[in-house]
Amino acid sequence: MLNFLDQVDSILYYPILIIVLAAAGVYFTIRTGFIQGRHLKDCFKMVTEKPSDKSQVSSFQALMVSTASRVGTGNIVGVSTAICLGGPGAVFWMWVLAILGSSTAFAESTLAQIYKRRNKEDGSFYGGPAYYIETALHSKALAVLFAVFLILTYGFGFNMLCSYNIQSSFQIYDFYHGTATPLIIGLVLAVIVGFCIMGGGKRIVKVTEIMVPLMGVIYVAASLIIIFAHVTFIPEMFKLIFADAFNFRAIGSGIAGSCLVYGIKRGLYSNEAGVGSAPNAAASAAVSHPAKQGFVQMLSVYIDTILICTATAFACIASGAGRTEENAGTPYVQEAMSTVFGHFGPAFITIAMLMFGFTTLIGNLYYMDNGLAFLNKKKMPGKKFMAVFHILCAVAIFIGALIPMNIAWDIADITMGGMAIINIPACLLLSGVVLKTLKDFEKQQKAGKNPEFKAENVGISTEEAECWK
């Protein structure tokens, strides 16, 4: 089974997803006039905007939900694994993917806003790739397939991997024993997450709004201490990263296991740009123009990769910790932290893994609920069904703590790749709508107005964009 999963994983990412991701990122970057740089100021400005109706989800809250899923154990374990197995050059290719992918993130989140729906019961908004694929591309079958991959990825694939990553952070301790410790950790995680998700989406929004910024600041601060403690090694660190990134002879001799592929795979797992996850949160925000939420979601990619993933990478490489296959994952980061913080270093990473992991687990299930609602004629299934389904998701979290590392990564990579291979071509097919919406925003902004969107102004029928009449 492991060999089969490895083969599927390898083919999906090389050559298929590497080409698709690169093509989409370059295309949207060029067609939008390098939106990542031109509108960076707007990314920060839009986060602070408040909705006119205080009961609605704000841009900041939607950002926190999407960041809760993006910022997780992948920022620690994913980066560590990429460096140990692919080489230091993986960090450079993570940066490239983040910069190019942020334009794709703008496109998918803007589309989610344009084609979002309003809940008639409480007036809240919802939407995502399944909705714009069905509405704008008129492909019900493809929309259903995307929703299925969304549920498999966030209800099972990512949560199993997250659970594995959390329990692996305990391997360094003397009390860790065989399958007994993973079993206990998996059980505790399953029970706690199960309790939280019974509170529904609004509780998830409130929890992540508080925990995501807090854990991000503390983790980055600790990483900076490690980096500055080894400040004399920083020039050598950059030399290692760039020399390895452009060692095309090594890449060409084994591209599937190269820094290029590991950088792209782990970068995509971490920032999820183009995967089609963040648009589910982006659609819930109450904004006056779809492009505004597109800018906000671009910022989430930068927070994840340029800030947090880079902090992990620099701390690990600068520390001089051993980059070995056996060290891949949590042990590499724990060893790096111990060079400055001693015995507290590994404990700090365990705490960080628990905090990152918890927000990832509940953020993932928020996305999964959106997929279930789409499959159930745009409304949430009954309480009995949801209770059973949430129990299954809790069981997946429990199982994830017990499975081998390779299987955990392969399952997550494959389900995530399935989402991306559907969503990114859909965004490219709808690129004309994205570009018209961006021009509409820029035109109003240039005129000194607070941009407000009307569907008919960009040639979209109000039947398709029902929230923008």
Protein backbone atom coordinates (compact mmCIF):
# COMPACT_ATOMS: atom_id res chain seq x y z
CA MET A 1 0.00 0.00 0.00
CA LEU A 2 2.84 2.35 0.86
CA ASN A 3 4.51 1.74 -2.52
CA PHE A 4 1.22 2.43 -4.31
CA LEU A 5 0.64 5.67 -2.40
CA ASP A 6 4.24 6.76 -3.08
CA GLN A 7 3.80 6.18 -6.83
CA VAL A 8 0.50 8.10 -7.00
CA ASP A 9 1.99 10.91 -4.92
CA SER A 10 5.08 11.16 -7.13
CA ILE A 11 3.17 11.25 -10.44
CA LEU A 12 0.60 13.74 -9.14
CA TYR A 13 3.23 16.27 -8.11
CA TYR A 14 5.79 15.60 -10.84
CA PRO A 15 5.05 16.42 -13.53
CA ILE A 16 1.32 17.28 -13.20
CA LEU A 17 1.00 19.72 -10.27
CA ILE A 18 4.40 21.34 -10.72
CA ILE A 19 3.34 22.43 -14.22
CA VAL A 20 -0.19 23.44 -13.17
CA LEU A 21 0.96 25.43 -10.12
CA ALA A 22 3.74 27.20 -12.01
CA ALA A 23 1.54 27.99 -15.01
CA ALA A 24 -1.27 29.42 -12.85
CA GLY A 25 1.08 31.45 -10.66
CA VAL A 26 2.97 32.95 -13.61
CA TYR A 27 -0.25 33.62 -15.54
CA PHE A 28 -2.04 35.46 -12.71
CA THR A 29 1.13 37.32 -11.73
CA ILE A 30 1.62 38.67 -15.27
CA ARG A 31 -2.06 39.36 -16.05
CA THR A 32 -2.61 41.23 -12.77
CA GLY A 33 0.57 43.26 -13.19
CA PHE A 34 2.32 41.63 -10.21
CA ILE A 35 -0.56 42.18 -7.83
CA GLN A 36 1.51 40.66 -5.00
CA GLY A 37 3.67 43.78 -4.90
CA ARG A 38 1.39 46.52 -6.24
CA HIS A 39 -1.40 45.90 -3.75
CA LEU A 40 0.62 44.78 -0.73
CA LYS A 41 -0.46 47.93 1.14
CA ASP A 42 -4.11 47.10 0.43
CA CYS A 43 -3.61 43.61 1.90
CA PHE A 44 -2.95 45.16 5.31
CA LYS A 45 -5.56 47.89 4.93
CA MET A 46 -8.44 45.53 4.12
CA VAL A 47 -7.83 43.37 7.20
CA THR A 48 -8.96 46.19 9.49
CA GLU A 49 -12.25 46.88 7.68
CA LYS A 50 -15.37 46.14 9.69
CA PRO A 51 -18.63 44.89 8.16
CA SER A 52 -21.63 47.25 8.39
CA ASP A 53 -23.52 44.48 10.16
CA LYS A 54 -21.59 43.47 13.29
CA SER A 55 -23.23 40.02 13.27
CA GLN A 56 -21.48 39.19 9.98
CA VAL A 57 -18.03 37.62 9.68
CA SER A 58 -15.35 40.30 9.21
CA SER A 59 -12.39 40.15 6.82
CA PHE A 60 -10.12 39.60 9.80
CA GLN A 61 -12.20 36.70 11.13
CA ALA A 62 -12.26 35.05 7.68
CA LEU A 63 -8.49 35.56 7.49
CA MET A 64 -8.01 33.90 10.88
CA VAL A 65 -10.07 30.84 9.89
CA SER A 66 -8.09 30.37 6.67
CA THR A 67 -4.81 31.06 8.50
CA ALA A 68 -5.78 28.55 11.19
CA SER A 69 -5.81 25.88 8.50
CA ARG A 70 -2.71 27.16 6.69
CA VAL A 71 -0.66 27.80 9.82
CA GLY A 72 -0.29 24.45 11.51
CA THR A 73 2.04 21.56 12.11
CA GLY A 74 3.15 21.84 8.47
CA ASN A 75 4.97 25.06 9.36
CA ILE A 76 7.13 23.04 11.73
CA VAL A 77 7.18 19.43 10.54
CA GLY A 78 6.59 20.15 6.84
CA VAL A 79 9.51 22.56 6.62
CA SER A 80 11.75 20.27 8.65
CA THR A 81 10.90 17.27 6.46
CA ALA A 82 11.51 19.24 3.25
CA ILE A 83 14.97 20.38 4.43
CA CYS A 84 16.05 16.97 5.76
CA LEU A 85 14.82 14.93 2.77
CA GLY A 86 15.06 17.47 -0.05
CA GLY A 87 17.87 19.75 1.12
CA PRO A 88 18.16 23.42 2.22
CA GLY A 89 17.23 24.55 -1.31
CA ALA A 90 13.64 23.50 -0.59
CA VAL A 91 13.29 26.76 1.36
CA PHE A 92 13.90 28.82 -1.79
CA TRP A 93 11.30 26.90 -3.78
CA MET A 94 8.82 27.39 -0.93
CA TRP A 95 9.35 31.14 -1.32
CA VAL A 96 8.85 30.96 -5.07
CA LEU A 97 5.64 28.98 -4.64
CA ALA A 98 4.34 31.46 -2.05
CA ILE A 99 5.06 34.54 -4.17
CA LEU A 100 3.58 33.09 -7.35
CA GLY A 101 0.82 31.28 -5.48
CA SER A 102 -0.37 34.42 -3.72
CA SER A 103 -1.74 35.70 -7.05
CA THR A 104 -3.65 32.42 -7.43
CA ALA A 105 -4.88 32.83 -3.85
CA PHE A 106 -6.21 36.27 -4.81
CA ALA A 107 -8.03 34.79 -7.80
CA GLU A 108 -9.70 31.90 -5.96
CA SER A 109 -10.82 34.02 -2.99
CA THR A 110 -12.14 36.80 -5.23
CA LEU A 111 -14.16 34.23 -7.19
CA ALA A 112 -15.51 32.80 -3.93
CA GLN A 113 -16.74 36.27 -2.96
CA ILE A 114 -18.34 36.94 -6.35
CA TYR A 115 -20.31 33.69 -6.42
CA LYS A 116 -21.06 33.37 -2.70
CA ARG A 117 -24.57 32.65 -1.39
CA ARG A 118 -26.59 34.08 1.48
CA ASN A 119 -28.10 31.90 4.18
CA LYS A 120 -31.80 32.81 4.31
CA GLU A 121 -32.10 31.85 7.97
CA ASP A 122 -29.41 34.02 9.57
CA GLY A 123 -28.17 36.20 6.67
CA SER A 124 -24.63 34.80 6.78
CA PHE A 125 -22.61 34.14 3.62
CA TYR A 126 -21.11 30.91 2.36
CA GLY A 127 -19.41 29.65 -0.79
CA GLY A 128 -16.15 28.35 -2.24
CA PRO A 129 -14.77 26.59 -5.33
CA ALA A 130 -17.65 24.09 -5.54
CA TYR A 131 -20.05 27.01 -5.89
CA TYR A 132 -18.16 28.97 -8.54
CA ILE A 133 -17.45 25.78 -10.49
CA GLU A 134 -21.14 24.92 -10.49
CA THR A 135 -22.45 28.48 -11.09
CA ALA A 136 -19.90 29.99 -13.46
CA LEU A 137 -18.59 26.89 -15.24
CA HIS A 138 -21.96 25.09 -15.15
CA SER A 139 -20.34 21.80 -14.16
CA LYS A 140 -22.26 20.12 -11.37
CA ALA A 141 -20.23 16.89 -11.62
CA LEU A 142 -16.89 18.69 -11.25
CA ALA A 143 -18.24 20.74 -8.36
CA VAL A 144 -19.39 17.59 -6.58
CA LEU A 145 -16.00 15.95 -7.16
CA PHE A 146 -14.25 18.97 -5.66
CA ALA A 147 -16.55 18.87 -2.61
CA VAL A 148 -15.74 15.18 -2.14
CA PHE A 149 -11.98 15.86 -2.25
CA LEU A 150 -12.50 18.77 0.15
CA ILE A 151 -14.17 16.48 2.68
CA LEU A 152 -11.55 13.73 2.23
CA THR A 153 -8.71 16.24 2.63
CA TYR A 154 -9.91 18.24 5.61
CA GLY A 155 -12.07 15.68 7.35
CA PHE A 156 -9.52 12.88 7.07
CA GLY A 157 -6.22 13.39 5.15
CA PHE A 158 -4.96 16.58 6.82
CA ASN A 159 -6.36 15.72 10.23
CA MET A 160 -4.72 12.28 10.23
CA LEU A 161 -1.40 13.88 9.30
CA CYS A 162 -1.83 16.62 11.89
CA SER A 163 -2.53 14.04 14.57
CA TYR A 164 0.57 12.06 13.57
CA ASN A 165 2.71 15.21 13.65
CA ILE A 166 1.50 16.13 17.13
CA GLN A 167 2.19 12.70 18.62
CA SER A 168 5.61 12.56 16.93
CA SER A 169 6.69 15.59 18.96
CA PHE A 170 6.55 13.37 22.08
CA GLN A 171 9.01 10.78 20.73
CA ILE A 172 11.95 12.58 22.29
CA TYR A 173 10.70 12.04 25.85
CA ASP A 174 11.60 9.08 28.07
CA PHE A 175 7.96 8.25 28.79
CA TYR A 176 7.24 7.65 25.07
CA HIS A 177 6.63 3.93 24.68
CA GLY A 178 5.74 1.90 21.56
CA THR A 179 2.13 2.24 20.47
CA ALA A 180 0.83 3.05 23.96
CA THR A 181 1.80 6.74 23.92
CA PRO A 182 0.47 7.46 20.38
CA LEU A 183 -2.75 5.67 21.34
CA ILE A 184 -3.24 7.89 24.40
CA ILE A 185 -2.34 11.08 22.53
CA GLY A 186 -4.64 10.19 19.63
CA LEU A 187 -7.51 9.47 22.02
CA VAL A 188 -7.07 12.77 23.90
CA LEU A 189 -6.91 14.76 20.64
CA ALA A 190 -9.98 13.04 19.25
CA VAL A 191 -12.02 13.76 22.38
CA ILE A 192 -10.99 17.44 22.69
CA VAL A 193 -11.55 18.25 19.00
CA GLY A 194 -14.82 16.34 19.01
CA PHE A 195 -16.05 18.46 21.92
CA CYS A 196 -15.07 21.72 20.18
CA ILE A 197 -16.65 20.96 16.81
CA MET A 198 -19.98 20.21 18.43
CA GLY A 199 -20.17 23.97 19.05
CA GLY A 200 -20.41 24.69 15.31
CA GLY A 201 -18.70 27.16 12.97
CA LYS A 202 -19.14 30.30 15.10
CA ARG A 203 -17.27 28.79 18.03
CA ILE A 204 -14.45 27.84 15.64
CA VAL A 205 -14.24 31.44 14.38
CA LYS A 206 -14.00 32.80 17.95
CA VAL A 207 -11.36 30.31 19.08
CA THR A 208 -9.10 30.76 16.04
CA GLU A 209 -9.39 34.56 16.14
CA ILE A 210 -7.65 34.50 19.53
CA MET A 211 -5.24 31.56 19.22
CA VAL A 212 -3.80 32.04 15.73
CA PRO A 213 -2.14 35.45 16.28
CA LEU A 214 -0.92 34.47 19.75
CA MET A 215 0.74 31.24 18.74
CA GLY A 216 2.23 32.81 15.61
CA VAL A 217 3.91 35.67 17.51
CA ILE A 218 5.34 33.40 20.23
CA TYR A 219 6.69 30.87 17.74
CA VAL A 220 8.31 33.47 15.47
CA ALA A 221 9.87 35.21 18.50
CA ALA A 222 11.43 31.93 19.66
CA SER A 223 12.73 31.23 16.15
CA LEU A 224 14.30 34.70 15.97
CA ILE A 225 16.14 34.05 19.24
CA ILE A 226 17.61 30.86 17.71
CA ILE A 227 18.60 32.72 14.53
CA PHE A 228 20.32 35.61 16.34
CA ALA A 229 22.05 33.21 18.72
CA HIS A 230 23.75 31.74 15.63
CA VAL A 231 24.13 35.06 13.80
CA THR A 232 27.66 34.25 12.59
CA PHE A 233 26.28 31.29 10.62
CA ILE A 234 23.65 33.35 8.74
CA PRO A 235 25.84 34.05 5.65
CA GLU A 236 26.63 30.34 5.38
CA MET A 237 22.92 29.57 5.78
CA PHE A 238 21.96 31.68 2.76
CA LYS A 239 24.82 30.16 0.79
CA LEU A 240 23.51 26.66 1.55
CA ILE A 241 19.95 27.57 0.55
CA PHE A 242 20.78 29.19 -2.79
CA ALA A 243 23.56 26.77 -3.76
CA ASP A 244 21.27 23.80 -3.18
CA ALA A 245 18.27 25.46 -4.85
CA PHE A 246 20.21 25.98 -8.09
CA ASN A 247 22.09 22.68 -8.08
CA PHE A 248 20.27 21.53 -11.20
CA ARG A 249 22.56 18.56 -11.69
CA ALA A 250 21.40 17.11 -8.35
CA ILE A 251 17.78 18.04 -9.08
CA GLY A 252 17.90 16.43 -12.52
CA SER A 253 19.41 13.20 -11.21
CA GLY A 254 16.46 12.54 -8.91
CA ILE A 255 13.77 15.18 -9.32
CA ALA A 256 11.06 13.33 -7.36
CA GLY A 257 13.15 13.57 -4.19
CA SER A 258 14.82 16.90 -4.98
CA CYS A 259 14.63 20.19 -3.08
CA LEU A 260 12.45 21.53 -5.92
CA VAL A 261 9.69 18.94 -5.48
CA TYR A 262 9.91 18.86 -1.68
CA GLY A 263 9.78 22.67 -1.58
CA ILE A 264 6.67 22.71 -3.76
CA LYS A 265 4.93 19.82 -1.98
CA ARG A 266 5.57 21.05 1.54
CA GLY A 267 5.01 24.68 0.52
CA LEU A 268 1.63 23.79 -0.98
CA TYR A 269 0.69 21.76 2.08
CA SER A 270 1.56 24.70 4.30
CA ASN A 271 0.17 27.75 2.45
CA GLU A 272 -2.55 25.96 0.41
CA ALA A 273 -2.46 28.65 -2.31
CA GLY A 274 -4.62 27.37 -5.17
CA VAL A 275 -5.79 24.28 -3.30
CA GLY A 276 -9.28 25.74 -2.91
CA SER A 277 -9.50 25.68 0.89
CA ALA A 278 -9.20 29.37 1.83
CA PRO A 279 -12.03 30.45 -0.53
CA ASN A 280 -14.47 28.58 1.70
CA ALA A 281 -13.56 30.96 4.53
CA ALA A 282 -13.17 33.97 2.23
CA ALA A 283 -16.75 33.61 1.00
CA SER A 284 -18.09 34.04 4.54
CA ALA A 285 -16.73 37.59 4.92
CA ALA A 286 -19.00 40.63 4.53
CA VAL A 287 -17.09 43.10 2.33
CA SER A 288 -18.12 45.82 -0.13
CA HIS A 289 -16.03 44.43 -3.00
CA PRO A 290 -14.82 40.85 -3.77
CA ALA A 291 -11.26 42.02 -4.51
CA LYS A 292 -10.91 43.18 -0.90
CA GLN A 293 -11.11 39.64 0.41
CA GLY A 294 -8.79 38.51 -2.36
CA PHE A 295 -6.15 40.89 -0.97
CA VAL A 296 -6.76 39.64 2.57
CA GLN A 297 -6.23 36.01 1.55
CA MET A 298 -3.00 36.93 -0.24
CA LEU A 299 -1.77 38.19 3.12
CA SER A 300 -2.52 34.79 4.67
CA VAL A 301 -0.09 33.13 2.24
CA TYR A 302 2.65 35.58 3.25
CA ILE A 303 1.98 35.04 6.95
CA ASP A 304 2.22 31.31 6.50
CA THR A 305 5.25 30.88 4.24
CA ILE A 306 7.27 34.09 4.17
CA LEU A 307 6.96 34.62 7.91
CA ILE A 308 6.36 31.37 9.83
CA CYS A 309 7.83 28.74 7.48
CA THR A 310 10.90 30.92 6.96
CA ALA A 311 11.29 31.33 10.73
CA THR A 312 11.34 27.54 11.11
CA ALA A 313 13.75 27.05 8.20
CA PHE A 314 16.22 29.72 9.33
CA ALA A 315 16.17 28.53 12.94
CA CYS A 316 16.85 24.93 11.88
CA ILE A 317 19.58 25.63 9.33
CA ALA A 318 21.34 28.35 11.35
CA SER A 319 21.42 26.15 14.47
CA GLY A 320 23.61 23.57 12.77
CA ALA A 321 21.31 20.70 13.81
CA GLY A 322 21.85 17.47 11.87
CA ARG A 323 19.92 17.32 8.57
CA THR A 324 19.48 13.56 8.40
CA GLU A 325 16.64 11.33 7.21
CA GLU A 326 16.21 10.02 10.76
CA ASN A 327 15.86 13.60 12.02
CA ALA A 328 13.17 14.51 9.45
CA GLY A 329 10.11 16.01 11.07
CA THR A 330 9.78 17.16 14.66
CA PRO A 331 13.19 15.89 15.92
CA TYR A 332 15.11 18.27 13.62
CA VAL A 333 13.25 21.33 14.95
CA GLN A 334 13.50 20.13 18.55
CA GLU A 335 17.26 19.65 18.18
CA ALA A 336 17.56 23.16 16.72
CA MET A 337 15.64 24.68 19.63
CA SER A 338 17.71 22.77 22.19
CA THR A 339 20.91 24.50 20.96
CA VAL A 340 19.72 27.67 22.72
CA PHE A 341 16.92 26.71 25.08
CA GLY A 342 18.41 23.44 26.32
CA HIS A 343 15.89 20.93 27.67
CA PHE A 344 13.09 23.48 27.34
CA GLY A 345 13.59 23.61 23.54
CA PRO A 346 11.95 20.26 22.74
CA ALA A 347 9.17 20.99 25.26
CA PHE A 348 8.50 24.35 23.60
CA ILE A 349 8.13 22.65 20.20
CA THR A 350 5.73 20.14 21.72
CA ILE A 351 3.63 23.01 23.10
CA ALA A 352 3.80 24.82 19.74
CA MET A 353 2.77 21.64 17.93
CA LEU A 354 -0.23 21.27 20.23
CA MET A 355 -1.31 24.88 19.67
CA PHE A 356 -0.71 24.86 15.92
CA GLY A 357 -2.26 21.42 15.64
CA PHE A 358 -5.41 22.28 17.58
CA THR A 359 -6.26 25.29 15.42
CA THR A 360 -5.47 23.28 12.30
CA LEU A 361 -7.78 20.46 13.33
CA ILE A 362 -10.77 22.69 14.05
CA GLY A 363 -10.08 24.96 11.07
CA ASN A 364 -9.98 21.91 8.80
CA LEU A 365 -13.38 20.74 10.00
CA TYR A 366 -14.84 24.19 9.31
CA TYR A 367 -13.95 23.68 5.65
CA MET A 368 -15.30 20.15 5.67
CA ASP A 369 -18.71 21.38 6.84
CA ASN A 370 -18.86 23.63 3.79
CA GLY A 371 -18.31 20.65 1.49
CA LEU A 372 -21.02 18.64 3.23
CA ALA A 373 -23.49 21.51 2.90
CA PHE A 374 -22.81 21.72 -0.85
CA LEU A 375 -23.48 18.01 -1.33
CA ASN A 376 -26.66 18.31 0.74
CA LYS A 377 -28.42 20.80 -1.57
CA LYS A 378 -26.67 23.87 -0.07
CA LYS A 379 -27.74 23.25 3.52
CA MET A 380 -26.12 21.52 6.45
CA PRO A 381 -27.16 17.88 6.97
CA GLY A 382 -29.28 17.01 10.00
CA LYS A 383 -27.90 16.95 13.53
CA LYS A 384 -27.84 13.15 13.69
CA PHE A 385 -25.85 12.87 10.46
CA MET A 386 -23.40 15.56 11.55
CA ALA A 387 -22.94 13.93 14.95
CA VAL A 388 -22.07 10.62 13.29
CA PHE A 389 -19.81 12.29 10.74
CA HIS A 390 -17.97 14.29 13.40
CA ILE A 391 -17.43 11.04 15.31
CA LEU A 392 -15.88 9.52 12.16
CA CYS A 393 -13.59 12.55 11.86
CA ALA A 394 -12.59 12.14 15.51
CA VAL A 395 -11.83 8.46 14.81
CA ALA A 396 -9.63 9.56 11.86
CA ILE A 397 -7.72 11.84 14.23
CA PHE A 398 -7.24 8.90 16.57
CA ILE A 399 -6.02 6.62 13.75
CA GLY A 400 -3.68 9.33 12.45
CA ALA A 401 -1.68 9.18 15.67
CA LEU A 402 -0.98 5.47 15.07
CA ILE A 403 -0.02 5.27 11.36
CA PRO A 404 3.54 5.51 9.90
CA MET A 405 4.88 8.90 8.79
CA ASN A 406 5.07 8.06 5.07
CA ILE A 407 1.44 6.94 4.88
CA ALA A 408 0.27 10.05 6.74
CA TRP A 409 2.11 12.36 4.31
CA ASP A 410 1.09 10.44 1.17
CA ILE A 411 -2.63 10.45 2.01
CA ALA A 412 -2.58 14.18 2.77
CA ASP A 413 -0.59 14.97 -0.39
CA ILE A 414 -2.90 12.95 -2.65
CA THR A 415 -6.19 14.33 -1.34
CA MET A 416 -4.84 17.89 -1.37
CA GLY A 417 -3.50 17.37 -4.89
CA GLY A 418 -6.95 16.24 -6.01
CA MET A 419 -8.42 19.56 -4.83
CA ALA A 420 -5.72 21.62 -6.53
CA ILE A 421 -5.96 19.76 -9.85
CA ILE A 422 -9.66 20.70 -10.03
CA ASN A 423 -9.58 24.20 -8.55
CA ILE A 424 -6.61 25.75 -10.35
CA PRO A 425 -7.84 25.02 -13.93
CA ALA A 426 -11.27 26.35 -12.86
CA CYS A 427 -9.63 29.61 -11.72
CA LEU A 428 -7.76 29.88 -15.02
CA LEU A 429 -10.99 29.37 -16.98
CA LEU A 430 -12.60 32.15 -14.90
CA SER A 431 -9.58 34.45 -15.04
CA GLY A 432 -11.50 36.95 -17.19
CA VAL A 433 -13.96 37.51 -14.35
CA VAL A 434 -11.10 37.95 -11.86
CA LEU A 435 -9.32 40.51 -14.03
CA LYS A 436 -12.50 42.52 -14.67
CA THR A 437 -13.23 42.56 -10.94
CA LEU A 438 -9.70 43.75 -10.15
CA LYS A 439 -9.95 46.54 -12.75
CA ASP A 440 -13.31 47.59 -11.31
CA PHE A 441 -11.74 47.84 -7.84
CA GLU A 442 -8.72 49.80 -9.11
CA LYS A 443 -10.91 52.18 -11.12
CA GLN A 444 -13.02 53.07 -8.09
CA GLN A 445 -9.98 53.28 -5.81
CA LYS A 446 -8.24 55.64 -8.24
CA ALA A 447 -11.34 57.86 -8.21
CA GLY A 448 -11.00 58.18 -4.44
CA LYS A 449 -14.00 55.97 -3.65
CA ASN A 450 -14.40 53.11 -1.25
CA PRO A 451 -14.89 50.39 -3.91
CA GLU A 452 -18.36 48.83 -4.02
CA PHE A 453 -19.17 45.95 -6.32
CA LYS A 454 -22.14 45.46 -8.61
CA ALA A 455 -22.19 42.31 -10.69
CA GLU A 456 -23.63 43.91 -13.82
CA ASN A 457 -20.71 46.38 -13.96
CA VAL A 458 -18.36 43.53 -14.90
CA GLY A 459 -20.81 41.65 -17.10
CA ILE A 460 -21.99 39.04 -14.56
CA SER A 461 -25.69 38.31 -14.25
CA THR A 462 -27.26 38.87 -10.84
CA GLU A 463 -28.66 35.34 -11.04
CA GLU A 464 -25.12 34.00 -10.87
CA ALA A 465 -23.82 36.60 -8.39
CA GLU A 466 -26.92 36.77 -6.23
CA CYS A 467 -25.27 38.67 -3.37
CA TRP A 468 -24.09 41.52 -5.61
CA LYS A 469 -27.28 42.90 -7.13
